[in-house]
Amino acid sequence: MEFFCYHRDRPDSGALRDKLVAEHWSYMDRYAEQLIARGPTLDGDTATGSVHIVDLPGPAAARAFAFDEPNYQAGVYRDVMLRRWRNVLGRTMWDFPGGREGGSRFLVLGLGLGQAADLAPPPGRREELIAYGPLLSDDGGTWLGTAALVRAADQGTARAVLTSDRYAAVEVHPWEFGGRR
C-alpha cells in the first residue's frame, strides 16, 4: 500500500532540524527500497516541511513510519498529514525523466470536496509530473484529495495540474528532491 506523508515544520524549528539531519537520513535509509518520493518543502532556503511517499504493508506500518521519524520525535514538526495514496505514474521520483536538476519543483496538495477529481494526470502534463495520485481513506475506498510533485515555471502553473473548482483548498509549496546526493 502506498502512503503520502507530509510533516509540516513548527515555526523556528530549523536549528533542531539541522541538528537531526544525519538521524533523519539514517532513518529514511532504512526505507530506501520503499520510497517513491521524498524531499523538503521550502520558503526560500528554509525548510517548511518534509514529503515522503512510501510503499508499506498497511496503515499501522505507515503510522509507525510517520511518527517514529526522528524529527517528529524531537518536535521539529507541528503536524502530520498521512493518507493512503495511489501511484498513478507507476514510478519513483528517481525515474522522473527530468532528473533532479533544472527548473522549479512544487508540491501541489488538493484537499477534496465532493466527488473524486483528477484521478488521472492532466493531458499534456505527464512529462512535468514527478509523482501524482489520489489521497485516499485508510481503506482506500474514499477519495480525500490529490497530491502531486510537479516541475513547473511557477506556483500558478504548478497549481493548474488540479481542476480548479473540485477542491476545498489547494496548497502549493516549493519542493526539492530529497535524500543523499
Protein backbone atom coordinates (compact mmCIF):
# COMPACT_ATOMS: atom_id res chain seq x y z
CA MET A 1 0.00 0.00 0.00
CA GLU A 2 1.26 3.43 -0.89
CA PHE A 3 1.07 6.34 1.54
CA PHE A 4 1.59 10.09 1.28
CA CYS A 5 3.14 11.64 4.38
CA TYR A 6 3.62 15.39 4.82
CA HIS A 7 5.29 16.54 8.03
CA ARG A 8 4.92 20.32 8.47
CA ASP A 9 7.61 22.10 10.47
CA ARG A 10 6.92 24.12 13.58
CA PRO A 11 7.97 27.76 13.23
CA ASP A 12 11.60 28.35 14.22
CA SER A 13 12.48 24.63 14.30
CA GLY A 14 15.23 24.94 11.67
CA ALA A 15 18.14 24.66 14.11
CA LEU A 16 16.71 21.46 15.58
CA ARG A 17 16.05 20.09 12.08
CA ASP A 18 19.66 20.85 11.09
CA LYS A 19 20.95 19.11 14.22
CA LEU A 20 18.96 15.96 13.35
CA VAL A 21 19.69 15.76 9.61
CA ALA A 22 22.03 12.75 9.91
CA GLU A 23 19.49 10.88 12.10
CA HIS A 24 16.68 11.72 9.66
CA TRP A 25 18.63 10.47 6.65
CA SER A 26 19.71 7.33 8.51
CA TYR A 27 16.07 6.64 9.39
CA MET A 28 14.97 7.18 5.77
CA ASP A 29 17.80 4.95 4.52
CA ARG A 30 16.01 2.07 6.25
CA TYR A 31 13.10 2.69 3.86
CA ALA A 32 15.15 3.30 0.69
CA GLU A 33 13.55 0.42 -1.22
CA GLN A 34 10.02 1.52 -0.28
CA LEU A 35 10.35 5.26 -1.00
CA ILE A 36 8.56 6.59 -4.08
CA ALA A 37 9.48 10.23 -3.41
CA ARG A 38 10.95 12.37 -0.67
CA GLY A 39 12.11 15.90 -0.08
CA PRO A 40 11.57 19.15 1.78
CA THR A 41 9.10 21.90 1.11
CA LEU A 42 10.74 25.30 1.30
CA ASP A 43 10.33 29.01 1.90
CA GLY A 44 13.43 30.31 0.18
CA ASP A 45 16.26 28.27 1.70
CA THR A 46 14.30 27.43 4.85
CA ALA A 47 12.62 24.03 5.13
CA THR A 48 8.91 24.20 5.98
CA GLY A 49 8.13 20.50 5.89
CA SER A 50 9.05 17.07 4.57
CA VAL A 51 7.22 14.99 1.97
CA HIS A 52 7.61 11.21 1.94
CA ILE A 53 5.68 8.92 -0.38
CA VAL A 54 6.28 5.34 0.66
CA ASP A 55 5.04 1.82 -0.08
CA LEU A 56 4.35 -0.03 3.20
CA PRO A 57 2.36 -3.12 4.29
CA GLY A 58 -0.57 -1.17 5.75
CA PRO A 59 -1.87 1.76 7.82
CA ALA A 60 -0.19 0.62 11.06
CA ALA A 61 3.21 0.46 9.35
CA ALA A 62 2.59 3.89 7.79
CA ARG A 63 1.75 5.39 11.19
CA ALA A 64 4.92 3.89 12.66
CA PHE A 65 6.93 5.31 9.72
CA ALA A 66 5.47 8.80 10.21
CA PHE A 67 5.56 9.02 14.00
CA ASP A 68 8.82 7.17 14.78
CA GLU A 69 10.73 9.54 12.47
CA PRO A 70 13.47 11.37 14.47
CA ASN A 71 12.33 14.91 13.56
CA TYR A 72 8.80 14.09 14.65
CA GLN A 73 10.01 12.53 17.90
CA ALA A 74 12.18 15.59 18.68
CA GLY A 75 9.42 18.14 17.97
CA VAL A 76 10.53 19.60 14.63
CA TYR A 77 7.07 19.07 13.13
CA ARG A 78 3.84 20.79 14.15
CA ASP A 79 1.56 18.32 12.37
CA VAL A 80 1.46 15.33 10.05
CA MET A 81 -0.80 14.52 7.11
CA LEU A 82 -0.82 10.79 6.46
CA ARG A 83 -3.06 9.36 3.74
CA ARG A 84 -3.27 6.32 1.51
CA TRP A 85 -2.13 7.28 -1.95
CA ARG A 86 -2.09 5.65 -5.37
CA ASN A 87 0.97 5.97 -7.60
CA VAL A 88 -0.80 6.80 -10.86
CA LEU A 89 2.50 7.30 -12.71
CA GLY A 90 3.88 3.93 -11.59
CA ARG A 91 7.40 5.25 -11.00
CA THR A 92 9.59 6.81 -8.33
CA MET A 93 10.99 10.33 -8.34
CA TRP A 94 14.37 8.83 -9.29
CA ASP A 95 12.75 7.60 -12.52
CA PHE A 96 11.46 11.09 -13.41
CA PRO A 97 12.83 11.80 -16.93
CA GLY A 98 13.57 15.44 -15.98
CA GLY A 99 16.04 14.44 -13.27
CA ARG A 100 16.66 16.28 -10.02
CA GLU A 101 18.19 19.44 -11.53
CA GLY A 102 16.78 22.23 -13.68
CA GLY A 103 13.52 24.08 -13.23
CA SER A 104 11.40 24.73 -10.20
CA ARG A 105 9.54 21.96 -8.42
CA PHE A 106 6.42 22.09 -6.28
CA LEU A 107 4.18 20.05 -4.03
CA VAL A 108 0.55 20.58 -5.08
CA LEU A 109 -1.86 19.36 -2.44
CA GLY A 110 -5.60 19.43 -3.15
CA LEU A 111 -7.99 18.75 -0.27
CA GLY A 112 -11.06 17.08 -1.73
CA LEU A 113 -14.57 18.46 -1.96
CA GLY A 114 -17.38 16.10 -3.01
CA GLN A 115 -16.92 13.75 -5.96
CA ALA A 116 -13.48 12.41 -6.82
CA ALA A 117 -11.49 14.51 -9.28
CA ASP A 118 -8.17 14.34 -11.07
CA LEU A 119 -7.79 10.57 -10.73
CA ALA A 120 -5.66 10.59 -13.89
CA PRO A 121 -2.87 13.03 -14.78
CA PRO A 122 -3.97 16.06 -16.78
CA PRO A 123 -3.47 15.67 -20.55
CA GLY A 124 -0.21 17.13 -21.81
CA ARG A 125 1.34 17.49 -18.33
CA ARG A 126 2.62 13.96 -17.65
CA GLU A 127 6.22 14.83 -18.63
CA GLU A 128 6.28 17.51 -15.90
CA LEU A 129 4.87 15.25 -13.17
CA ILE A 130 7.35 13.74 -10.73
CA ALA A 131 4.68 11.98 -8.63
CA TYR A 132 0.90 12.08 -8.91
CA GLY A 133 -2.01 10.36 -7.26
CA PRO A 134 -5.20 10.49 -5.23
CA LEU A 135 -5.24 10.84 -1.45
CA LEU A 136 -7.47 8.12 -0.01
CA SER A 137 -9.01 6.96 3.26
CA ASP A 138 -7.19 4.17 5.15
CA ASP A 139 -9.36 1.53 3.47
CA GLY A 140 -8.71 3.07 0.04
CA GLY A 141 -12.43 3.48 -0.59
CA THR A 142 -12.91 7.23 -0.24
CA TRP A 143 -11.19 9.95 -2.26
CA LEU A 144 -9.92 12.74 0.01
CA GLY A 145 -7.90 14.79 -2.46
CA THR A 146 -4.92 14.68 -4.78
CA ALA A 147 -1.18 15.14 -4.23
CA ALA A 148 1.35 15.87 -6.94
CA LEU A 149 5.01 16.73 -7.20
CA VAL A 150 5.48 18.76 -10.36
CA ARG A 151 8.15 20.64 -12.29
CA ALA A 152 6.71 23.99 -13.34
CA ALA A 153 7.73 27.54 -14.18
CA ASP A 154 5.91 28.99 -11.17
CA GLN A 155 3.34 28.23 -8.46
CA GLY A 156 0.40 29.19 -10.69
CA THR A 157 1.48 26.79 -13.42
CA ALA A 158 2.00 24.06 -10.83
CA ARG A 159 -1.46 24.73 -9.35
CA ALA A 160 -3.02 24.18 -12.78
CA VAL A 161 -2.39 20.41 -12.61
CA LEU A 162 -5.58 20.21 -10.49
CA THR A 163 -9.11 21.09 -11.57
CA SER A 164 -9.76 24.48 -10.00
CA ASP A 165 -13.28 24.05 -8.61
CA ARG A 166 -13.05 20.48 -7.28
CA TYR A 167 -11.18 21.17 -4.05
CA ALA A 168 -11.99 22.79 -0.72
CA ALA A 169 -8.41 24.09 -0.68
CA VAL A 170 -5.27 23.76 -2.76
CA GLU A 171 -1.80 24.34 -1.35
CA VAL A 172 1.29 24.86 -3.49
CA HIS A 173 4.70 24.65 -1.83
CA PRO A 174 8.16 24.92 -3.38
CA TRP A 175 9.72 21.45 -3.09
CA GLU A 176 13.04 19.84 -3.94
CA PHE A 177 14.32 16.31 -4.39
CA GLY A 178 15.42 14.97 -1.01
CA GLY A 179 17.84 12.38 0.22
CA ARG A 180 21.55 11.96 -0.04
CA ARG A 181 23.17 13.45 -3.10
